[in-house]
Structures are given as structure tokens and as C-alpha cells.
Amino acid sequence: MPRVRVHQHVNPLAPFFRFKPAAVELEKIFTDPERPLFLDIGCARGRFVLQMAEADRTQNYLGVEIREPLVAEGNRIAAEKNLTNLHYEFANAMIALDRLLEKLPAGILETVAIQFPDPWFKKKHAKRRMVNRELVATIVEHLAPRGRVFVQTDIEFLAAEMFELFREREELRERVIDDNPFPVKTEREKAVEEKNLPVYRRIFEKL
């Protein structure tokens, strides 16, 4: 079946994307809701968490994406593959992640990934960037002790901006890394590395 066609970028501040999603209830979307949760924010087509869910059945994987057709496509593929530890949610993470995660049990969110988010290069569009203080605060609130946040991008100024937002949080400890710590890479990551271009990466661990 051909891939769903969508716009590469959407304006997250547009009225259509200002809705508040229903809170995720793990018992309704996963066969074993007590497994540790891996959250991929801005998962695009969701192939990264798809492959992670196939490789590791000991965790549940939740992809969050602002383009609804990609969410529908991802959940269809997960169902076809009988991946009961994988689910995708349609949400605008930059303004609604707190609502989406408000029913998460304490200590279950062990890993968060933010990979190659849209940089919105123009200064007037900077407010559209997904990683902001509110999103970081929500992640920190729900992240389990010793949980980790993996952040990577190939845009240097965006890396500096995102890393600084996480550094502001006293609950987190920064760890510099050179390589992706997971056995799977996103399509974007593979394309950048094939061109021998740099990728800026950090892990932030909750104390």
C-alpha cells in the first residue's frame, strides 16, 4: 500500500491544531499497560518506534504526531503487525502534551525521544518550534526517576536552543553523546549521516 501523502510542515499555531486531546489511558491502548513507556514526540511516520516495538516487547511505545493521517497510518500498520505494545496519538505536543499525559501512572515514563523537530528557520516563526519551556516542564513532571530524554537534530542553532531549555531544569543531568544509543535510526538521521553531516545529540537524565 502506498504511503499516505501529507504536507511536510504544518503550522502548530493554526486554529485547527489548537484542540485539546483526550488524556492517554494506557490500559485502553496496550495489552500490558504496566510495562515501561517509551514516548516519541513528533514521530512523523512513526517508523522509529515501529521498529523499536518490534525489537523490544518489554516496553510500550507511544508516538505523538501532529499530522493526523500519519497517526491513522501508523496505528493501521501496528494492528496489521499485531504490535500490542505500540500506539500513536494525534496531538499538538507543543501546546497539549500536558493534557495528553495527565493520566499517566507515576514512574512509568522511562524514555522520551525528540528527534529532528522542524527548525522553523525564520525568526518570525520561532514561536512554532515544538520544544518550549512548557513542553520541557511536562516531560520533567512525568519522567520517572533515572528516566532519560534523548534529543537530536542536525541544525546547530536548534540544538543549542533545545539543549539550553533542558539545562534550565535542575532535576536533569546532561550527558554528551556521540552516537544514537538505540538500535534504530530515523529516516532523517540516516539521510544526514549518509551525507557525512553532523548530528547534535544529548541525553538528559532525571535525578
N, C-alpha and C. Protein backbone atom coordinates (compact mmCIF):
# COMPACT_ATOMS: atom_id res chain seq x y z
N MET A 1 0.85 -1.20 0.00
CA MET A 1 0.00 0.00 0.00
C MET A 1 0.88 1.25 0.00
N PRO A 2 0.56 2.26 -0.85
CA PRO A 2 1.39 3.47 -0.90
C PRO A 2 1.32 4.25 0.40
N ARG A 3 2.39 5.01 0.66
CA ARG A 3 2.44 5.82 1.86
C ARG A 3 1.44 6.96 1.78
N VAL A 4 0.88 7.31 2.92
CA VAL A 4 -0.02 8.45 3.00
C VAL A 4 0.74 9.72 2.66
N ARG A 5 0.15 10.57 1.83
CA ARG A 5 0.79 11.83 1.46
C ARG A 5 0.28 12.94 2.36
N VAL A 6 1.23 13.69 2.94
CA VAL A 6 0.87 14.81 3.81
C VAL A 6 1.83 15.96 3.55
N HIS A 7 1.46 17.15 4.04
CA HIS A 7 2.38 18.27 3.99
C HIS A 7 3.57 17.99 4.90
N GLN A 8 4.75 18.38 4.44
CA GLN A 8 5.94 18.14 5.25
C GLN A 8 5.91 18.95 6.54
N HIS A 9 5.39 20.18 6.48
CA HIS A 9 5.31 21.04 7.65
C HIS A 9 3.88 21.55 7.82
N VAL A 10 3.44 21.65 9.05
CA VAL A 10 2.16 22.29 9.35
C VAL A 10 2.39 23.31 10.45
N ASN A 11 1.61 24.37 10.44
CA ASN A 11 1.74 25.42 11.44
C ASN A 11 1.05 24.98 12.73
N PRO A 12 1.80 24.67 13.79
CA PRO A 12 1.17 24.17 15.02
C PRO A 12 0.33 25.21 15.75
N LEU A 13 0.44 26.48 15.35
CA LEU A 13 -0.35 27.53 15.98
C LEU A 13 -1.63 27.84 15.22
N ALA A 14 -1.85 27.14 14.12
CA ALA A 14 -3.09 27.33 13.37
C ALA A 14 -4.28 26.87 14.21
N PRO A 15 -5.45 27.50 14.05
CA PRO A 15 -6.62 27.14 14.87
C PRO A 15 -6.94 25.64 14.86
N PHE A 16 -6.78 24.99 13.72
CA PHE A 16 -7.11 23.57 13.62
C PHE A 16 -6.32 22.72 14.60
N PHE A 17 -5.09 23.14 14.93
CA PHE A 17 -4.23 22.32 15.78
C PHE A 17 -4.24 22.77 17.25
N ARG A 18 -5.18 23.63 17.60
CA ARG A 18 -5.23 24.12 18.99
C ARG A 18 -6.17 23.29 19.87
N PHE A 19 -6.64 22.17 19.36
CA PHE A 19 -7.56 21.34 20.14
C PHE A 19 -6.82 20.68 21.32
N LYS A 20 -7.59 20.30 22.33
CA LYS A 20 -7.03 19.58 23.46
C LYS A 20 -7.34 18.09 23.30
N PRO A 21 -6.34 17.24 23.21
CA PRO A 21 -6.61 15.81 23.03
C PRO A 21 -7.10 15.18 24.33
N ALA A 22 -7.73 14.05 24.20
CA ALA A 22 -8.09 13.29 25.40
C ALA A 22 -6.82 12.74 26.05
N ALA A 23 -6.84 12.60 27.35
CA ALA A 23 -5.69 12.04 28.05
C ALA A 23 -5.51 10.57 27.68
N VAL A 24 -4.27 10.17 27.51
CA VAL A 24 -3.96 8.78 27.20
C VAL A 24 -4.27 7.91 28.41
N GLU A 25 -4.96 6.80 28.16
CA GLU A 25 -5.22 5.80 29.20
C GLU A 25 -4.56 4.49 28.75
N LEU A 26 -3.45 4.17 29.38
CA LEU A 26 -2.61 3.07 28.90
C LEU A 26 -3.36 1.74 28.84
N GLU A 27 -4.27 1.52 29.75
CA GLU A 27 -4.99 0.25 29.78
C GLU A 27 -5.91 0.09 28.57
N LYS A 28 -6.21 1.17 27.88
CA LYS A 28 -7.08 1.11 26.71
C LYS A 28 -6.31 0.95 25.40
N ILE A 29 -5.00 1.16 25.44
CA ILE A 29 -4.24 1.12 24.18
C ILE A 29 -3.14 0.06 24.16
N PHE A 30 -2.79 -0.49 25.33
CA PHE A 30 -1.73 -1.50 25.37
C PHE A 30 -2.24 -2.77 26.06
N THR A 31 -1.78 -3.91 25.59
CA THR A 31 -2.16 -5.18 26.21
C THR A 31 -1.65 -5.27 27.64
N ASP A 32 -0.42 -4.83 27.86
CA ASP A 32 0.16 -4.82 29.20
C ASP A 32 0.51 -3.38 29.55
N PRO A 33 -0.40 -2.65 30.18
CA PRO A 33 -0.18 -1.23 30.43
C PRO A 33 0.87 -0.93 31.51
N GLU A 34 1.34 -1.95 32.21
CA GLU A 34 2.31 -1.73 33.29
C GLU A 34 3.75 -1.77 32.81
N ARG A 35 3.96 -2.05 31.55
CA ARG A 35 5.33 -2.02 31.02
C ARG A 35 5.87 -0.59 31.02
N PRO A 36 7.19 -0.42 31.10
CA PRO A 36 7.77 0.93 30.97
C PRO A 36 7.36 1.57 29.65
N LEU A 37 7.19 2.89 29.67
CA LEU A 37 6.72 3.60 28.49
C LEU A 37 7.84 4.38 27.82
N PHE A 38 7.92 4.25 26.51
CA PHE A 38 8.85 4.99 25.65
C PHE A 38 8.00 5.93 24.81
N LEU A 39 8.24 7.24 24.96
CA LEU A 39 7.45 8.26 24.27
C LEU A 39 8.29 8.93 23.19
N ASP A 40 7.81 8.90 21.95
CA ASP A 40 8.49 9.55 20.83
C ASP A 40 7.64 10.75 20.40
N ILE A 41 8.13 11.96 20.69
CA ILE A 41 7.37 13.18 20.43
C ILE A 41 7.72 13.74 19.05
N GLY A 42 6.70 13.92 18.21
CA GLY A 42 6.95 14.36 16.84
C GLY A 42 7.47 13.21 16.02
N CYS A 43 6.76 12.09 16.05
CA CYS A 43 7.28 10.83 15.50
C CYS A 43 7.15 10.73 13.99
N ALA A 44 6.50 11.70 13.33
CA ALA A 44 6.31 11.68 11.87
C ALA A 44 5.61 10.38 11.46
N ARG A 45 6.20 9.63 10.54
CA ARG A 45 5.56 8.38 10.09
C ARG A 45 5.66 7.26 11.11
N GLY A 46 6.43 7.48 12.15
CA GLY A 46 6.46 6.53 13.24
C GLY A 46 7.24 5.26 13.01
N ARG A 47 8.10 5.26 12.00
CA ARG A 47 8.84 4.03 11.71
C ARG A 47 9.89 3.73 12.78
N PHE A 48 10.40 4.77 13.43
CA PHE A 48 11.38 4.55 14.50
C PHE A 48 10.75 3.73 15.63
N VAL A 49 9.62 4.20 16.18
CA VAL A 49 9.00 3.45 17.28
C VAL A 49 8.42 2.12 16.80
N LEU A 50 8.03 2.05 15.54
CA LEU A 50 7.56 0.77 14.99
C LEU A 50 8.66 -0.28 15.08
N GLN A 51 9.84 0.08 14.61
CA GLN A 51 10.95 -0.88 14.65
C GLN A 51 11.41 -1.15 16.08
N MET A 52 11.36 -0.13 16.94
CA MET A 52 11.71 -0.34 18.34
C MET A 52 10.73 -1.30 19.00
N ALA A 53 9.44 -1.14 18.72
CA ALA A 53 8.41 -2.01 19.31
C ALA A 53 8.56 -3.45 18.82
N GLU A 54 8.97 -3.60 17.58
CA GLU A 54 9.20 -4.95 17.05
C GLU A 54 10.40 -5.60 17.72
N ALA A 55 11.44 -4.81 17.99
CA ALA A 55 12.69 -5.35 18.53
C ALA A 55 12.63 -5.59 20.03
N ASP A 56 11.77 -4.84 20.73
CA ASP A 56 11.76 -4.91 22.20
C ASP A 56 10.31 -4.96 22.68
N ARG A 57 9.86 -6.15 23.07
CA ARG A 57 8.49 -6.31 23.55
C ARG A 57 8.36 -6.07 25.05
N THR A 58 9.44 -5.67 25.71
CA THR A 58 9.39 -5.44 27.16
C THR A 58 8.92 -4.03 27.51
N GLN A 59 8.79 -3.16 26.50
CA GLN A 59 8.34 -1.80 26.73
C GLN A 59 7.12 -1.49 25.86
N ASN A 60 6.36 -0.49 26.27
CA ASN A 60 5.32 0.06 25.42
C ASN A 60 5.85 1.31 24.73
N TYR A 61 5.41 1.51 23.49
CA TYR A 61 5.89 2.64 22.69
C TYR A 61 4.72 3.49 22.25
N LEU A 62 4.83 4.79 22.53
CA LEU A 62 3.78 5.74 22.18
C LEU A 62 4.37 6.83 21.30
N GLY A 63 3.87 6.94 20.08
CA GLY A 63 4.29 8.00 19.17
C GLY A 63 3.26 9.11 19.15
N VAL A 64 3.71 10.36 19.24
CA VAL A 64 2.81 11.52 19.19
C VAL A 64 3.14 12.33 17.95
N GLU A 65 2.12 12.64 17.16
CA GLU A 65 2.35 13.31 15.88
C GLU A 65 1.21 14.28 15.59
N ILE A 66 1.55 15.44 15.00
CA ILE A 66 0.57 16.49 14.73
C ILE A 66 -0.19 16.27 13.42
N ARG A 67 0.30 15.41 12.54
CA ARG A 67 -0.38 15.18 11.27
C ARG A 67 -1.23 13.91 11.39
N GLU A 68 -2.54 14.12 11.47
CA GLU A 68 -3.47 13.02 11.78
C GLU A 68 -3.41 11.85 10.80
N PRO A 69 -3.27 12.08 9.48
CA PRO A 69 -3.19 10.92 8.58
C PRO A 69 -2.02 9.99 8.90
N LEU A 70 -0.92 10.53 9.38
CA LEU A 70 0.22 9.68 9.73
C LEU A 70 -0.07 8.85 10.97
N VAL A 71 -0.84 9.41 11.88
CA VAL A 71 -1.25 8.66 13.07
C VAL A 71 -2.14 7.48 12.68
N ALA A 72 -3.11 7.76 11.82
CA ALA A 72 -4.00 6.69 11.36
C ALA A 72 -3.22 5.60 10.63
N GLU A 73 -2.28 6.01 9.78
CA GLU A 73 -1.46 5.05 9.06
C GLU A 73 -0.63 4.21 10.03
N GLY A 74 -0.02 4.87 11.02
CA GLY A 74 0.80 4.15 11.98
C GLY A 74 0.01 3.13 12.77
N ASN A 75 -1.17 3.51 13.25
CA ASN A 75 -1.99 2.56 14.01
C ASN A 75 -2.49 1.41 13.14
N ARG A 76 -2.74 1.69 11.86
CA ARG A 76 -3.13 0.59 10.96
C ARG A 76 -2.00 -0.42 10.81
N ILE A 77 -0.78 0.08 10.62
CA ILE A 77 0.37 -0.82 10.46
C ILE A 77 0.63 -1.59 11.74
N ALA A 78 0.52 -0.90 12.89
CA ALA A 78 0.73 -1.59 14.18
C ALA A 78 -0.28 -2.72 14.35
N ALA A 79 -1.54 -2.48 13.95
CA ALA A 79 -2.56 -3.52 14.06
C ALA A 79 -2.27 -4.68 13.12
N GLU A 80 -1.84 -4.37 11.90
CA GLU A 80 -1.53 -5.43 10.93
C GLU A 80 -0.38 -6.31 11.43
N LYS A 81 0.56 -5.70 12.13
CA LYS A 81 1.71 -6.45 12.65
C LYS A 81 1.46 -7.02 14.04
N ASN A 82 0.25 -6.80 14.57
CA ASN A 82 -0.12 -7.28 15.90
C ASN A 82 0.85 -6.80 16.97
N LEU A 83 1.23 -5.53 16.86
CA LEU A 83 2.13 -4.93 17.85
C LEU A 83 1.27 -4.30 18.95
N THR A 84 0.99 -5.08 19.96
CA THR A 84 0.12 -4.61 21.03
C THR A 84 0.87 -3.73 22.03
N ASN A 85 2.16 -3.50 21.78
CA ASN A 85 2.95 -2.58 22.62
C ASN A 85 3.26 -1.27 21.89
N LEU A 86 2.47 -0.96 20.85
CA LEU A 86 2.71 0.24 20.05
C LEU A 86 1.39 0.95 19.79
N HIS A 87 1.43 2.29 19.95
CA HIS A 87 0.24 3.09 19.68
C HIS A 87 0.67 4.50 19.28
N TYR A 88 -0.13 5.14 18.43
CA TYR A 88 0.13 6.51 18.00
C TYR A 88 -1.04 7.40 18.40
N GLU A 89 -0.73 8.64 18.80
CA GLU A 89 -1.75 9.60 19.18
C GLU A 89 -1.61 10.88 18.36
N PHE A 90 -2.75 11.41 17.92
CA PHE A 90 -2.81 12.68 17.20
C PHE A 90 -2.90 13.80 18.22
N ALA A 91 -1.86 14.64 18.29
CA ALA A 91 -1.85 15.74 19.25
C ALA A 91 -0.80 16.77 18.83
N ASN A 92 -1.02 17.99 19.25
CA ASN A 92 -0.07 19.08 19.06
C ASN A 92 0.75 19.16 20.34
N ALA A 93 1.89 18.50 20.36
CA ALA A 93 2.65 18.35 21.60
C ALA A 93 3.08 19.68 22.20
N MET A 94 3.35 20.67 21.36
CA MET A 94 3.90 21.93 21.89
C MET A 94 2.92 22.67 22.78
N ILE A 95 1.62 22.41 22.62
CA ILE A 95 0.64 23.10 23.46
C ILE A 95 -0.24 22.15 24.26
N ALA A 96 -0.18 20.84 24.00
CA ALA A 96 -1.14 19.93 24.63
C ALA A 96 -0.53 18.67 25.23
N LEU A 97 0.80 18.62 25.35
CA LEU A 97 1.40 17.41 25.91
C LEU A 97 0.96 17.19 27.35
N ASP A 98 0.77 18.28 28.10
CA ASP A 98 0.35 18.13 29.49
C ASP A 98 -1.00 17.44 29.59
N ARG A 99 -1.92 17.81 28.71
CA ARG A 99 -3.25 17.19 28.71
C ARG A 99 -3.15 15.72 28.30
N LEU A 100 -2.33 15.44 27.32
CA LEU A 100 -2.21 14.07 26.81
C LEU A 100 -1.68 13.13 27.88
N LEU A 101 -0.76 13.60 28.71
CA LEU A 101 -0.08 12.73 29.67
C LEU A 101 -0.64 12.80 31.08
N GLU A 102 -1.70 13.56 31.30
CA GLU A 102 -2.13 13.84 32.67
C GLU A 102 -2.59 12.61 33.45
N LYS A 103 -2.94 11.52 32.77
CA LYS A 103 -3.38 10.31 33.48
C LYS A 103 -2.30 9.24 33.55
N LEU A 104 -1.08 9.56 33.14
CA LEU A 104 -0.02 8.56 33.22
C LEU A 104 0.27 8.19 34.67
N PRO A 105 0.39 6.89 34.98
CA PRO A 105 0.80 6.49 36.32
C PRO A 105 2.21 7.00 36.63
N ALA A 106 2.45 7.37 37.86
CA ALA A 106 3.77 7.87 38.25
C ALA A 106 4.83 6.80 38.01
N GLY A 107 5.95 7.23 37.49
CA GLY A 107 7.10 6.35 37.34
C GLY A 107 7.11 5.45 36.13
N ILE A 108 6.10 5.54 35.27
CA ILE A 108 6.03 4.61 34.13
C ILE A 108 6.75 5.14 32.89
N LEU A 109 6.89 6.47 32.78
CA LEU A 109 7.53 7.07 31.60
C LEU A 109 9.04 7.05 31.80
N GLU A 110 9.70 6.11 31.16
CA GLU A 110 11.13 5.92 31.36
C GLU A 110 11.99 6.57 30.28
N THR A 111 11.47 6.72 29.08
CA THR A 111 12.27 7.26 27.98
C THR A 111 11.43 8.18 27.12
N VAL A 112 12.03 9.32 26.75
CA VAL A 112 11.40 10.27 25.82
C VAL A 112 12.40 10.55 24.70
N ALA A 113 11.94 10.54 23.46
CA ALA A 113 12.79 10.87 22.32
C ALA A 113 12.20 12.08 21.58
N ILE A 114 13.07 13.02 21.25
CA ILE A 114 12.72 14.18 20.42
C ILE A 114 13.78 14.23 19.32
N GLN A 115 13.39 13.90 18.09
CA GLN A 115 14.38 13.70 17.04
C GLN A 115 14.05 14.54 15.80
N PHE A 116 14.97 15.44 15.47
CA PHE A 116 14.90 16.23 14.25
C PHE A 116 13.57 16.98 14.11
N PRO A 117 13.16 17.73 15.14
CA PRO A 117 11.93 18.52 15.01
C PRO A 117 12.10 19.64 13.99
N ASP A 118 10.99 20.11 13.45
CA ASP A 118 11.04 21.19 12.46
C ASP A 118 11.76 22.40 13.05
N PRO A 119 12.77 22.95 12.36
CA PRO A 119 13.55 24.06 12.93
C PRO A 119 12.87 25.42 12.80
N TRP A 120 11.96 25.58 11.83
CA TRP A 120 11.32 26.88 11.60
C TRP A 120 12.40 27.97 11.60
N PHE A 121 13.14 28.04 10.53
CA PHE A 121 14.34 28.88 10.43
C PHE A 121 14.07 30.38 10.61
N LYS A 122 12.97 30.87 10.07
CA LYS A 122 12.74 32.31 10.12
C LYS A 122 12.45 32.77 11.56
N LYS A 123 13.01 33.92 11.91
CA LYS A 123 12.83 34.45 13.26
C LYS A 123 11.37 34.61 13.62
N LYS A 124 10.56 35.06 12.67
CA LYS A 124 9.14 35.28 12.96
C LYS A 124 8.39 33.97 13.20
N HIS A 125 9.00 32.85 12.81
CA HIS A 125 8.37 31.55 13.00
C HIS A 125 8.93 30.79 14.21
N ALA A 126 9.83 31.41 14.95
CA ALA A 126 10.49 30.71 16.07
C ALA A 126 9.48 30.19 17.08
N LYS A 127 8.38 30.91 17.25
CA LYS A 127 7.37 30.51 18.23
C LYS A 127 6.66 29.21 17.84
N ARG A 128 6.87 28.75 16.62
CA ARG A 128 6.27 27.49 16.18
C ARG A 128 7.11 26.27 16.56
N ARG A 129 8.32 26.48 17.05
CA ARG A 129 9.19 25.35 17.38
C ARG A 129 8.58 24.52 18.51
N MET A 130 8.62 23.23 18.34
CA MET A 130 7.92 22.32 19.24
C MET A 130 8.47 22.35 20.66
N VAL A 131 9.79 22.38 20.81
CA VAL A 131 10.39 22.31 22.14
C VAL A 131 10.38 23.70 22.77
N ASN A 132 9.56 23.85 23.79
CA ASN A 132 9.48 25.10 24.53
C ASN A 132 9.51 24.77 26.03
N ARG A 133 9.47 25.79 26.86
CA ARG A 133 9.56 25.55 28.31
C ARG A 133 8.39 24.73 28.84
N GLU A 134 7.21 24.95 28.28
CA GLU A 134 6.04 24.20 28.75
C GLU A 134 6.18 22.72 28.44
N LEU A 135 6.64 22.40 27.24
CA LEU A 135 6.83 21.01 26.88
C LEU A 135 7.89 20.36 27.76
N VAL A 136 9.00 21.05 27.97
CA VAL A 136 10.06 20.51 28.82
C VAL A 136 9.55 20.28 30.24
N ALA A 137 8.78 21.23 30.77
CA ALA A 137 8.25 21.10 32.12
C ALA A 137 7.34 19.87 32.24
N THR A 138 6.52 19.64 31.22
CA THR A 138 5.63 18.48 31.23
C THR A 138 6.43 17.19 31.21
N ILE A 139 7.46 17.13 30.38
CA ILE A 139 8.31 15.93 30.33
C ILE A 139 8.93 15.67 31.69
N VAL A 140 9.51 16.69 32.30
CA VAL A 140 10.17 16.53 33.59
C VAL A 140 9.17 16.07 34.65
N GLU A 141 7.97 16.62 34.63
CA GLU A 141 6.96 16.26 35.62
C GLU A 141 6.63 14.77 35.58
N HIS A 142 6.52 14.23 34.38
CA HIS A 142 6.08 12.84 34.23
C HIS A 142 7.22 11.83 34.15
N LEU A 143 8.43 12.28 33.88
CA LEU A 143 9.55 11.36 33.70
C LEU A 143 9.87 10.64 35.01
N ALA A 144 10.09 9.35 34.91
CA ALA A 144 10.43 8.55 36.09
C ALA A 144 11.82 8.92 36.60
N PRO A 145 12.07 8.74 37.89
CA PRO A 145 13.43 8.91 38.39
C PRO A 145 14.40 8.03 37.60
N ARG A 146 15.52 8.60 37.22
CA ARG A 146 16.53 7.95 36.37
C ARG A 146 16.03 7.74 34.94
N GLY A 147 14.87 8.31 34.61
CA GLY A 147 14.40 8.29 33.23
C GLY A 147 15.25 9.21 32.38
N ARG A 148 15.18 9.05 31.07
CA ARG A 148 16.06 9.82 30.18
C ARG A 148 15.30 10.42 29.02
N VAL A 149 15.82 11.56 28.58
CA VAL A 149 15.30 12.25 27.40
C VAL A 149 16.41 12.29 26.36
N PHE A 150 16.15 11.76 25.19
CA PHE A 150 17.11 11.75 24.09
C PHE A 150 16.69 12.81 23.09
N VAL A 151 17.60 13.75 22.82
CA VAL A 151 17.31 14.85 21.90
C VAL A 151 18.39 14.88 20.82
N GLN A 152 17.96 14.96 19.55
CA GLN A 152 18.96 15.08 18.48
C GLN A 152 18.39 15.88 17.31
N THR A 153 19.31 16.58 16.63
CA THR A 153 18.97 17.36 15.44
C THR A 153 20.24 17.59 14.65
N ASP A 154 20.07 17.91 13.38
CA ASP A 154 21.23 18.26 12.54
C ASP A 154 21.34 19.77 12.36
N ILE A 155 20.50 20.54 13.05
CA ILE A 155 20.51 22.00 12.95
C ILE A 155 21.19 22.56 14.20
N GLU A 156 22.37 23.17 14.05
CA GLU A 156 23.17 23.55 15.21
C GLU A 156 22.47 24.56 16.12
N PHE A 157 21.87 25.61 15.54
CA PHE A 157 21.24 26.61 16.40
C PHE A 157 20.04 26.03 17.14
N LEU A 158 19.33 25.11 16.51
CA LEU A 158 18.18 24.49 17.15
C LEU A 158 18.64 23.58 18.29
N ALA A 159 19.75 22.87 18.06
CA ALA A 159 20.32 22.04 19.12
C ALA A 159 20.64 22.88 20.34
N ALA A 160 21.33 24.01 20.12
CA ALA A 160 21.70 24.88 21.23
C ALA A 160 20.46 25.36 21.98
N GLU A 161 19.43 25.73 21.25
CA GLU A 161 18.20 26.22 21.86
C GLU A 161 17.51 25.13 22.69
N MET A 162 17.38 23.94 22.13
CA MET A 162 16.71 22.86 22.85
C MET A 162 17.51 22.41 24.06
N PHE A 163 18.82 22.24 23.88
CA PHE A 163 19.65 21.79 24.99
C PHE A 163 19.58 22.76 26.16
N GLU A 164 19.55 24.07 25.85
CA GLU A 164 19.51 25.06 26.92
C GLU A 164 18.19 24.98 27.69
N LEU A 165 17.11 24.71 27.02
CA LEU A 165 15.82 24.58 27.70
C LEU A 165 15.84 23.41 28.69
N PHE A 166 16.48 22.32 28.31
CA PHE A 166 16.58 21.20 29.22
C PHE A 166 17.60 21.47 30.34
N ARG A 167 18.66 22.21 30.03
CA ARG A 167 19.67 22.54 31.05
C ARG A 167 19.08 23.40 32.16
N GLU A 168 18.06 24.16 31.85
CA GLU A 168 17.44 25.03 32.84
C GLU A 168 16.80 24.25 33.98
N ARG A 169 16.53 22.99 33.76
CA ARG A 169 15.83 22.18 34.75
C ARG A 169 16.83 21.53 35.71
N GLU A 170 16.75 21.88 36.98
CA GLU A 170 17.68 21.35 37.97
C GLU A 170 17.48 19.86 38.22
N GLU A 171 16.32 19.34 37.81
CA GLU A 171 16.05 17.92 38.02
C GLU A 171 16.81 17.03 37.04
N LEU A 172 17.43 17.63 36.02
CA LEU A 172 18.05 16.86 34.95
C LEU A 172 19.57 16.98 34.97
N ARG A 173 20.21 15.92 34.56
CA ARG A 173 21.66 15.90 34.39
C ARG A 173 21.95 15.66 32.92
N GLU A 174 22.81 16.48 32.35
CA GLU A 174 23.14 16.40 30.93
C GLU A 174 24.27 15.42 30.67
N ARG A 175 24.12 14.63 29.60
CA ARG A 175 25.18 13.72 29.20
C ARG A 175 25.44 13.90 27.70
N VAL A 176 26.67 14.23 27.35
CA VAL A 176 27.06 14.41 25.96
C VAL A 176 27.28 13.03 25.34
N ILE A 177 26.73 12.80 24.17
CA ILE A 177 26.90 11.53 23.48
C ILE A 177 27.24 11.79 22.02
N ASP A 178 27.96 10.86 21.42
CA ASP A 178 28.33 10.97 20.01
C ASP A 178 27.42 10.16 19.10
N ASP A 179 26.84 9.10 19.64
CA ASP A 179 26.07 8.18 18.82
C ASP A 179 24.65 8.01 19.36
N ASN A 180 23.78 7.60 18.49
CA ASN A 180 22.43 7.23 18.87
C ASN A 180 22.50 6.00 19.79
N PRO A 181 21.92 6.06 21.00
CA PRO A 181 22.02 4.93 21.92
C PRO A 181 21.07 3.79 21.62
N PHE A 182 20.21 3.95 20.62
CA PHE A 182 19.21 2.94 20.31
C PHE A 182 19.60 2.15 19.06
N PRO A 183 19.06 0.95 18.89
CA PRO A 183 19.42 0.12 17.74
C PRO A 183 18.73 0.53 16.44
N VAL A 184 17.89 1.56 16.50
CA VAL A 184 17.12 2.02 15.34
C VAL A 184 17.42 3.49 15.09
N LYS A 185 17.45 3.88 13.81
CA LYS A 185 17.64 5.27 13.43
C LYS A 185 16.45 5.75 12.60
N THR A 186 16.13 7.04 12.74
CA THR A 186 15.06 7.60 11.92
C THR A 186 15.54 7.75 10.48
N GLU A 187 14.58 7.92 9.58
CA GLU A 187 14.93 8.14 8.17
C GLU A 187 15.78 9.40 8.02
N ARG A 188 15.43 10.43 8.76
CA ARG A 188 16.19 11.68 8.71
C ARG A 188 17.63 11.48 9.19
N GLU A 189 17.78 10.75 10.28
CA GLU A 189 19.12 10.52 10.81
C GLU A 189 19.99 9.77 9.80
N LYS A 190 19.43 8.76 9.18
CA LYS A 190 20.20 8.00 8.19
C LYS A 190 20.58 8.88 6.99
N ALA A 191 19.67 9.74 6.55
CA ALA A 191 19.95 10.61 5.41
C ALA A 191 21.06 11.59 5.74
N VAL A 192 21.05 12.15 6.95
CA VAL A 192 22.07 13.12 7.35
C VAL A 192 23.44 12.43 7.45
N GLU A 193 23.47 11.26 8.06
CA GLU A 193 24.74 10.56 8.23
C GLU A 193 25.31 10.09 6.90
N GLU A 194 24.45 9.75 5.94
CA GLU A 194 24.93 9.35 4.62
C GLU A 194 25.65 10.50 3.91
N LYS A 195 25.30 11.74 4.27
CA LYS A 195 25.95 12.92 3.70
C LYS A 195 27.15 13.36 4.53
N ASN A 196 27.47 12.59 5.58
CA ASN A 196 28.59 12.92 6.47
C ASN A 196 28.43 14.28 7.13
N LEU A 197 27.20 14.64 7.45
CA LEU A 197 26.91 15.88 8.14
C LEU A 197 26.78 15.62 9.64
N PRO A 198 27.04 16.62 10.48
CA PRO A 198 26.99 16.40 11.92
C PRO A 198 25.58 16.27 12.46
N VAL A 199 25.44 15.48 13.51
CA VAL A 199 24.20 15.39 14.28
C VAL A 199 24.54 15.76 15.71
N TYR A 200 23.74 16.65 16.28
CA TYR A 200 23.98 17.14 17.64
C TYR A 200 23.04 16.38 18.58
N ARG A 201 23.63 15.72 19.57
CA ARG A 201 22.85 14.82 20.43
C ARG A 201 23.14 15.08 21.90
N ARG A 202 22.12 14.88 22.72
CA ARG A 202 22.27 14.91 24.17
C ARG A 202 21.29 13.94 24.79
N ILE A 203 21.66 13.46 25.97
CA ILE A 203 20.73 12.74 26.84
C ILE A 203 20.64 13.54 28.14
N PHE A 204 19.41 13.72 28.60
CA PHE A 204 19.17 14.37 29.88
C PHE A 204 18.50 13.36 30.80
N GLU A 205 19.14 13.08 31.93
CA GLU A 205 18.65 12.08 32.86
C GLU A 205 18.06 12.74 34.09
N LYS A 206 16.93 12.21 34.55
CA LYS A 206 16.28 12.76 35.73
C LYS A 206 16.95 12.23 37.00
N LEU A 207 17.30 13.11 37.88
CA LEU A 207 17.99 12.72 39.12
C LEU A 207 17.02 12.04 40.09
